[in-house]
Amino acid sequence: MKRIILGALLLTSSYATQIVELACDKAYKPYSYKDGKEAKGIYVDIIKATVSKMPDYDVKFKPVAWKKL
């Protein structure tokens, strides 16, 4: 029994949160824009709402100029 519990703990601890970095336009109000160092806008809000239902993912936003996308 101890082996089964130990195996289950090792198996579940091997899965880490997947970090995803998304680039977004930093000057396309109201859809996506940079406010200080933080990305904001409608697109950002939609993605945050979707990812909140996906606990295995951590999304980071990187606001950049459109030419760099």
PDB file of N, CA and C in Angstrom:
ATOM      1  N   MET A   1       0.823  -1.198   0.000  1.00  0.00           N
ATOM      2  CA  MET A   1       0.000   0.000   0.000  1.00  0.00           C
ATOM      3  C   MET A   1       0.859   1.252   0.000  1.00  0.00           C
ATOM      4  N   LYS A   2       1.957   1.224   0.761  1.00  0.00           N
ATOM      5  CA  LYS A   2       2.845   2.386   0.802  1.00  0.00           C
ATOM      6  C   LYS A   2       3.457   2.647  -0.562  1.00  0.00           C
ATOM      7  N   ARG A   3       3.740   1.592  -1.309  1.00  0.00           N
ATOM      8  CA  ARG A   3       4.321   1.752  -2.649  1.00  0.00           C
ATOM      9  C   ARG A   3       3.345   2.419  -3.601  1.00  0.00           C
ATOM     10  N   ILE A   4       2.086   2.083  -3.491  1.00  0.00           N
ATOM     11  CA  ILE A   4       1.077   2.681  -4.362  1.00  0.00           C
ATOM     12  C   ILE A   4       0.947   4.176  -4.068  1.00  0.00           C
ATOM     13  N   ILE A   5       0.889   4.528  -2.807  1.00  0.00           N
ATOM     14  CA  ILE A   5       0.768   5.946  -2.430  1.00  0.00           C
ATOM     15  C   ILE A   5       2.006   6.721  -2.851  1.00  0.00           C
ATOM     16  N   LEU A   6       3.179   6.158  -2.633  1.00  0.00           N
ATOM     17  CA  LEU A   6       4.423   6.819  -3.033  1.00  0.00           C
ATOM     18  C   LEU A   6       4.474   6.990  -4.548  1.00  0.00           C
ATOM     19  N   GLY A   7       4.078   5.969  -5.287  1.00  0.00           N
ATOM     20  CA  GLY A   7       4.049   6.055  -6.753  1.00  0.00           C
ATOM     21  C   GLY A   7       3.088   7.119  -7.240  1.00  0.00           C
ATOM     22  N   ALA A   8       1.925   7.212  -6.608  1.00  0.00           N
ATOM     23  CA  ALA A   8       0.944   8.231  -6.986  1.00  0.00           C
ATOM     24  C   ALA A   8       1.473   9.631  -6.707  1.00  0.00           C
ATOM     25  N   LEU A   9       2.150   9.816  -5.586  1.00  0.00           N
ATOM     26  CA  LEU A   9       2.722  11.122  -5.265  1.00  0.00           C
ATOM     27  C   LEU A   9       3.811  11.506  -6.254  1.00  0.00           C
ATOM     28  N   LEU A  10       4.654  10.570  -6.614  1.00  0.00           N
ATOM     29  CA  LEU A  10       5.716  10.854  -7.577  1.00  0.00           C
ATOM     30  C   LEU A  10       5.149  11.163  -8.949  1.00  0.00           C
ATOM     31  N   LEU A  11       4.103  10.459  -9.336  1.00  0.00           N
ATOM     32  CA  LEU A  11       3.488  10.670 -10.636  1.00  0.00           C
ATOM     33  C   LEU A  11       2.838  12.043 -10.724  1.00  0.00           C
ATOM     34  N   THR A  12       2.104  12.445  -9.699  1.00  0.00           N
ATOM     35  CA  THR A  12       1.426  13.738  -9.738  1.00  0.00           C
ATOM     36  C   THR A  12       2.394  14.900  -9.587  1.00  0.00           C
ATOM     37  N   SER A  13       3.497  14.713  -8.888  1.00  0.00           N
ATOM     38  CA  SER A  13       4.442  15.810  -8.708  1.00  0.00           C
ATOM     39  C   SER A  13       5.306  16.034  -9.940  1.00  0.00           C
ATOM     40  N   SER A  14       5.308  15.090 -10.877  1.00  0.00           N
ATOM     41  CA  SER A  14       6.129  15.240 -12.072  1.00  0.00           C
ATOM     42  C   SER A  14       5.478  16.172 -13.094  1.00  0.00           C
ATOM     43  N   TYR A  15       4.200  16.473 -12.924  1.00  0.00           N
ATOM     44  CA  TYR A  15       3.513  17.380 -13.832  1.00  0.00           C
ATOM     45  C   TYR A  15       3.573  18.788 -13.262  1.00  0.00           C
ATOM     46  N   ALA A  16       4.226  19.675 -13.982  1.00  0.00           N
ATOM     47  CA  ALA A  16       4.367  21.057 -13.524  1.00  0.00           C
ATOM     48  C   ALA A  16       3.438  21.956 -14.333  1.00  0.00           C
ATOM     49  N   THR A  17       3.195  23.113 -13.828  1.00  0.00           N
ATOM     50  CA  THR A  17       2.390  24.087 -14.547  1.00  0.00           C
ATOM     51  C   THR A  17       3.125  24.527 -15.804  1.00  0.00           C
ATOM     52  N   GLN A  18       2.423  24.526 -16.915  1.00  0.00           N
ATOM     53  CA  GLN A  18       2.994  24.923 -18.203  1.00  0.00           C
ATOM     54  C   GLN A  18       2.915  26.444 -18.311  1.00  0.00           C
ATOM     55  N   ILE A  19       4.044  27.092 -18.495  1.00  0.00           N
ATOM     56  CA  ILE A  19       4.081  28.546 -18.653  1.00  0.00           C
ATOM     57  C   ILE A  19       4.019  28.877 -20.142  1.00  0.00           C
ATOM     58  N   VAL A  20       3.075  29.736 -20.506  1.00  0.00           N
ATOM     59  CA  VAL A  20       2.874  30.144 -21.895  1.00  0.00           C
ATOM     60  C   VAL A  20       3.037  31.648 -21.964  1.00  0.00           C
ATOM     61  N   GLU A  21       3.870  32.119 -22.878  1.00  0.00           N
ATOM     62  CA  GLU A  21       4.057  33.560 -23.055  1.00  0.00           C
ATOM     63  C   GLU A  21       3.422  33.977 -24.372  1.00  0.00           C
ATOM     64  N   LEU A  22       2.494  34.925 -24.298  1.00  0.00           N
ATOM     65  CA  LEU A  22       1.792  35.413 -25.469  1.00  0.00           C
ATOM     66  C   LEU A  22       2.208  36.847 -25.758  1.00  0.00           C
ATOM     67  N   ALA A  23       2.544  37.107 -27.004  1.00  0.00           N
ATOM     68  CA  ALA A  23       2.849  38.474 -27.423  1.00  0.00           C
ATOM     69  C   ALA A  23       1.546  39.148 -27.840  1.00  0.00           C
ATOM     70  N   CYS A  24       1.399  40.403 -27.481  1.00  0.00           N
ATOM     71  CA  CYS A  24       0.222  41.169 -27.882  1.00  0.00           C
ATOM     72  C   CYS A  24       0.659  42.579 -28.258  1.00  0.00           C
ATOM     73  N   ASP A  25      -0.160  43.229 -29.068  1.00  0.00           N
ATOM     74  CA  ASP A  25       0.150  44.592 -29.500  1.00  0.00           C
ATOM     75  C   ASP A  25       0.069  45.534 -28.310  1.00  0.00           C
ATOM     76  N   LYS A  26       1.056  46.398 -28.174  1.00  0.00           N
ATOM     77  CA  LYS A  26       1.093  47.292 -27.009  1.00  0.00           C
ATOM     78  C   LYS A  26       0.352  48.605 -27.221  1.00  0.00           C
ATOM     79  N   ALA A  27      -0.197  48.841 -28.422  1.00  0.00           N
ATOM     80  CA  ALA A  27      -0.865  50.119 -28.676  1.00  0.00           C
ATOM     81  C   ALA A  27      -2.079  49.932 -29.582  1.00  0.00           C
ATOM     82  N   TYR A  28      -3.003  49.061 -29.188  1.00  0.00           N
ATOM     83  CA  TYR A  28      -4.190  48.791 -29.999  1.00  0.00           C
ATOM     84  C   TYR A  28      -5.434  48.850 -29.103  1.00  0.00           C
ATOM     85  N   LYS A  29      -5.599  50.024 -28.441  1.00  0.00           N
ATOM     86  CA  LYS A  29      -6.728  50.212 -27.524  1.00  0.00           C
ATOM     87  C   LYS A  29      -8.033  50.083 -28.276  1.00  0.00           C
ATOM     88  N   PRO A  30      -9.047  49.533 -27.739  1.00  0.00           N
ATOM     89  CA  PRO A  30      -9.222  48.919 -26.436  1.00  0.00           C
ATOM     90  C   PRO A  30      -8.928  47.412 -26.430  1.00  0.00           C
ATOM     91  N   TYR A  31      -8.435  46.887 -27.528  1.00  0.00           N
ATOM     92  CA  TYR A  31      -8.269  45.436 -27.645  1.00  0.00           C
ATOM     93  C   TYR A  31      -7.056  44.903 -26.890  1.00  0.00           C
ATOM     94  N   SER A  32      -5.911  45.503 -27.099  1.00  0.00           N
ATOM     95  CA  SER A  32      -4.725  45.147 -26.314  1.00  0.00           C
ATOM     96  C   SER A  32      -3.811  46.364 -26.268  1.00  0.00           C
ATOM     97  N   TYR A  33      -3.302  46.645 -25.080  1.00  0.00           N
ATOM     98  CA  TYR A  33      -2.420  47.794 -24.918  1.00  0.00           C
ATOM     99  C   TYR A  33      -1.583  47.612 -23.661  1.00  0.00           C
ATOM    100  N   LYS A  34      -0.526  48.388 -23.584  1.00  0.00           N
ATOM    101  CA  LYS A  34       0.390  48.331 -22.452  1.00  0.00           C
ATOM    102  C   LYS A  34       0.056  49.465 -21.498  1.00  0.00           C
ATOM    103  N   ASP A  35      -0.120  49.110 -20.221  1.00  0.00           N
ATOM    104  CA  ASP A  35      -0.388  50.091 -19.180  1.00  0.00           C
ATOM    105  C   ASP A  35       0.690  49.906 -18.125  1.00  0.00           C
ATOM    106  N   GLY A  36       1.701  50.748 -18.175  1.00  0.00           N
ATOM    107  CA  GLY A  36       2.872  50.555 -17.317  1.00  0.00           C
ATOM    108  C   GLY A  36       3.655  49.365 -17.841  1.00  0.00           C
ATOM    109  N   LYS A  37       3.789  48.327 -17.035  1.00  0.00           N
ATOM    110  CA  LYS A  37       4.462  47.099 -17.481  1.00  0.00           C
ATOM    111  C   LYS A  37       3.469  45.962 -17.704  1.00  0.00           C
ATOM    112  N   GLU A  38       2.178  46.274 -17.602  1.00  0.00           N
ATOM    113  CA  GLU A  38       1.142  45.250 -17.666  1.00  0.00           C
ATOM    114  C   GLU A  38       0.333  45.352 -18.960  1.00  0.00           C
ATOM    115  N   ALA A  39      -0.020  44.195 -19.525  1.00  0.00           N
ATOM    116  CA  ALA A  39      -0.879  44.154 -20.703  1.00  0.00           C
ATOM    117  C   ALA A  39      -2.331  44.228 -20.258  1.00  0.00           C
ATOM    118  N   LYS A  40      -3.118  45.026 -20.957  1.00  0.00           N
ATOM    119  CA  LYS A  40      -4.537  45.173 -20.652  1.00  0.00           C
ATOM    120  C   LYS A  40      -5.323  45.208 -21.949  1.00  0.00           C
ATOM    121  N   GLY A  41      -6.627  45.103 -21.833  1.00  0.00           N
ATOM    122  CA  GLY A  41      -7.500  45.204 -22.990  1.00  0.00           C
ATOM    123  C   GLY A  41      -8.482  44.051 -23.077  1.00  0.00           C
ATOM    124  N   ILE A  42      -9.363  44.129 -24.078  1.00  0.00           N
ATOM    125  CA  ILE A  42     -10.406  43.129 -24.255  1.00  0.00           C
ATOM    126  C   ILE A  42      -9.814  41.756 -24.546  1.00  0.00           C
ATOM    127  N   TYR A  43      -8.839  41.678 -25.454  1.00  0.00           N
ATOM    128  CA  TYR A  43      -8.225  40.385 -25.788  1.00  0.00           C
ATOM    129  C   TYR A  43      -7.572  39.757 -24.558  1.00  0.00           C
ATOM    130  N   VAL A  44      -6.882  40.553 -23.792  1.00  0.00           N
ATOM    131  CA  VAL A  44      -6.199  40.071 -22.583  1.00  0.00           C
ATOM    132  C   VAL A  44      -7.227  39.544 -21.585  1.00  0.00           C
ATOM    133  N   ASP A  45      -8.337  40.261 -21.414  1.00  0.00           N
ATOM    134  CA  ASP A  45      -9.385  39.826 -20.485  1.00  0.00           C
ATOM    135  C   ASP A  45     -10.010  38.499 -20.918  1.00  0.00           C
ATOM    136  N   ILE A  46     -10.248  38.336 -22.222  1.00  0.00           N
ATOM    137  CA  ILE A  46     -10.834  37.096 -22.733  1.00  0.00           C
ATOM    138  C   ILE A  46      -9.885  35.920 -22.491  1.00  0.00           C
ATOM    139  N   ILE A  47      -8.610  36.120 -22.767  1.00  0.00           N
ATOM    140  CA  ILE A  47      -7.638  35.036 -22.575  1.00  0.00           C
ATOM    141  C   ILE A  47      -7.495  34.703 -21.096  1.00  0.00           C
ATOM    142  N   LYS A  48      -7.462  35.712 -20.235  1.00  0.00           N
ATOM    143  CA  LYS A  48      -7.364  35.465 -18.788  1.00  0.00           C
ATOM    144  C   LYS A  48      -8.579  34.689 -18.288  1.00  0.00           C
ATOM    145  N   ALA A  49      -9.771  35.019 -18.773  1.00  0.00           N
ATOM    146  CA  ALA A  49     -10.980  34.308 -18.355  1.00  0.00           C
ATOM    147  C   ALA A  49     -10.940  32.854 -18.809  1.00  0.00           C
ATOM    148  N   THR A  50     -10.439  32.617 -19.996  1.00  0.00           N
ATOM    149  CA  THR A  50     -10.345  31.252 -20.518  1.00  0.00           C
ATOM    150  C   THR A  50      -9.314  30.446 -19.750  1.00  0.00           C
ATOM    151  N   VAL A  51      -8.156  31.026 -19.517  1.00  0.00           N
ATOM    152  CA  VAL A  51      -7.067  30.313 -18.840  1.00  0.00           C
ATOM    153  C   VAL A  51      -7.389  30.077 -17.361  1.00  0.00           C
ATOM    154  N   SER A  52      -8.265  30.880 -16.778  1.00  0.00           N
ATOM    155  CA  SER A  52      -8.633  30.660 -15.381  1.00  0.00           C
ATOM    156  C   SER A  52      -9.317  29.304 -15.185  1.00  0.00           C
ATOM    157  N   LYS A  53      -9.857  28.741 -16.253  1.00  0.00           N
ATOM    158  CA  LYS A  53     -10.490  27.420 -16.201  1.00  0.00           C
ATOM    159  C   LYS A  53      -9.510  26.308 -16.581  1.00  0.00           C
ATOM    160  N   MET A  54      -8.250  26.664 -16.784  1.00  0.00           N
ATOM    161  CA  MET A  54      -7.209  25.707 -17.164  1.00  0.00           C
ATOM    162  C   MET A  54      -6.081  25.783 -16.132  1.00  0.00           C
ATOM    163  N   PRO A  55      -6.195  25.082 -15.017  1.00  0.00           N
ATOM    164  CA  PRO A  55      -5.245  25.243 -13.918  1.00  0.00           C
ATOM    165  C   PRO A  55      -3.817  24.792 -14.230  1.00  0.00           C
ATOM    166  N   ASP A  56      -3.626  24.027 -15.288  1.00  0.00           N
ATOM    167  CA  ASP A  56      -2.278  23.544 -15.611  1.00  0.00           C
ATOM    168  C   ASP A  56      -1.468  24.539 -16.438  1.00  0.00           C
ATOM    169  N   TYR A  57      -2.050  25.704 -16.735  1.00  0.00           N
ATOM    170  CA  TYR A  57      -1.367  26.692 -17.562  1.00  0.00           C
ATOM    171  C   TYR A  57      -1.257  28.026 -16.842  1.00  0.00           C
ATOM    172  N   ASP A  58      -0.118  28.672 -17.022  1.00  0.00           N
ATOM    173  CA  ASP A  58       0.127  30.004 -16.485  1.00  0.00           C
ATOM    174  C   ASP A  58       0.507  30.889 -17.664  1.00  0.00           C
ATOM    175  N   VAL A  59      -0.347  31.841 -18.007  1.00  0.00           N
ATOM    176  CA  VAL A  59      -0.127  32.674 -19.183  1.00  0.00           C
ATOM    177  C   VAL A  59       0.492  33.998 -18.782  1.00  0.00           C
ATOM    178  N   LYS A  60       1.563  34.353 -19.453  1.00  0.00           N
ATOM    179  CA  LYS A  60       2.233  35.641 -19.284  1.00  0.00           C
ATOM    180  C   LYS A  60       2.059  36.420 -20.588  1.00  0.00           C
ATOM    181  N   PHE A  61       1.763  37.691 -20.480  1.00  0.00           N
ATOM    182  CA  PHE A  61       1.584  38.536 -21.655  1.00  0.00           C
ATOM    183  C   PHE A  61       2.816  39.398 -21.858  1.00  0.00           C
ATOM    184  N   LYS A  62       3.205  39.545 -23.111  1.00  0.00           N
ATOM    185  CA  LYS A  62       4.345  40.376 -23.457  1.00  0.00           C
ATOM    186  C   LYS A  62       3.894  41.412 -24.484  1.00  0.00           C
ATOM    187  N   PRO A  63       3.587  42.642 -24.027  1.00  0.00           N
ATOM    188  CA  PRO A  63       3.158  43.681 -24.977  1.00  0.00           C
ATOM    189  C   PRO A  63       4.366  44.185 -25.788  1.00  0.00           C
ATOM    190  N   VAL A  64       4.237  44.114 -27.099  1.00  0.00           N
ATOM    191  CA  VAL A  64       5.304  44.563 -28.002  1.00  0.00           C
ATOM    192  C   VAL A  64       4.711  45.405 -29.120  1.00  0.00           C
ATOM    193  N   ALA A  65       5.564  46.109 -29.839  1.00  0.00           N
ATOM    194  CA  ALA A  65       5.129  46.906 -30.972  1.00  0.00           C
ATOM    195  C   ALA A  65       4.637  45.980 -32.092  1.00  0.00           C
ATOM    196  N   TRP A  66       3.633  46.438 -32.840  1.00  0.00           N
ATOM    197  CA  TRP A  66       3.051  45.622 -33.908  1.00  0.00           C
ATOM    198  C   TRP A  66       4.102  45.167 -34.912  1.00  0.00           C
ATOM    199  N   LYS A  67       5.069  46.002 -35.217  1.00  0.00           N
ATOM    200  CA  LYS A  67       6.115  45.646 -36.197  1.00  0.00           C
ATOM    201  C   LYS A  67       6.936  44.455 -35.755  1.00  0.00           C
ATOM    202  N   LYS A  68       7.041  44.222 -34.454  1.00  0.00           N
ATOM    203  CA  LYS A  68       7.833  43.101 -33.949  1.00  0.00           C
ATOM    204  C   LYS A  68       7.041  41.799 -33.932  1.00  0.00           C
ATOM    205  N   LEU A  69       5.727  41.871 -34.082  1.00  0.00           N
ATOM    206  CA  LEU A  69       4.911  40.660 -34.099  1.00  0.00           C
ATOM    207  C   LEU A  69       5.071  40.045 -35.451  1.00  0.00           C
TER     208      LEU A  69
END
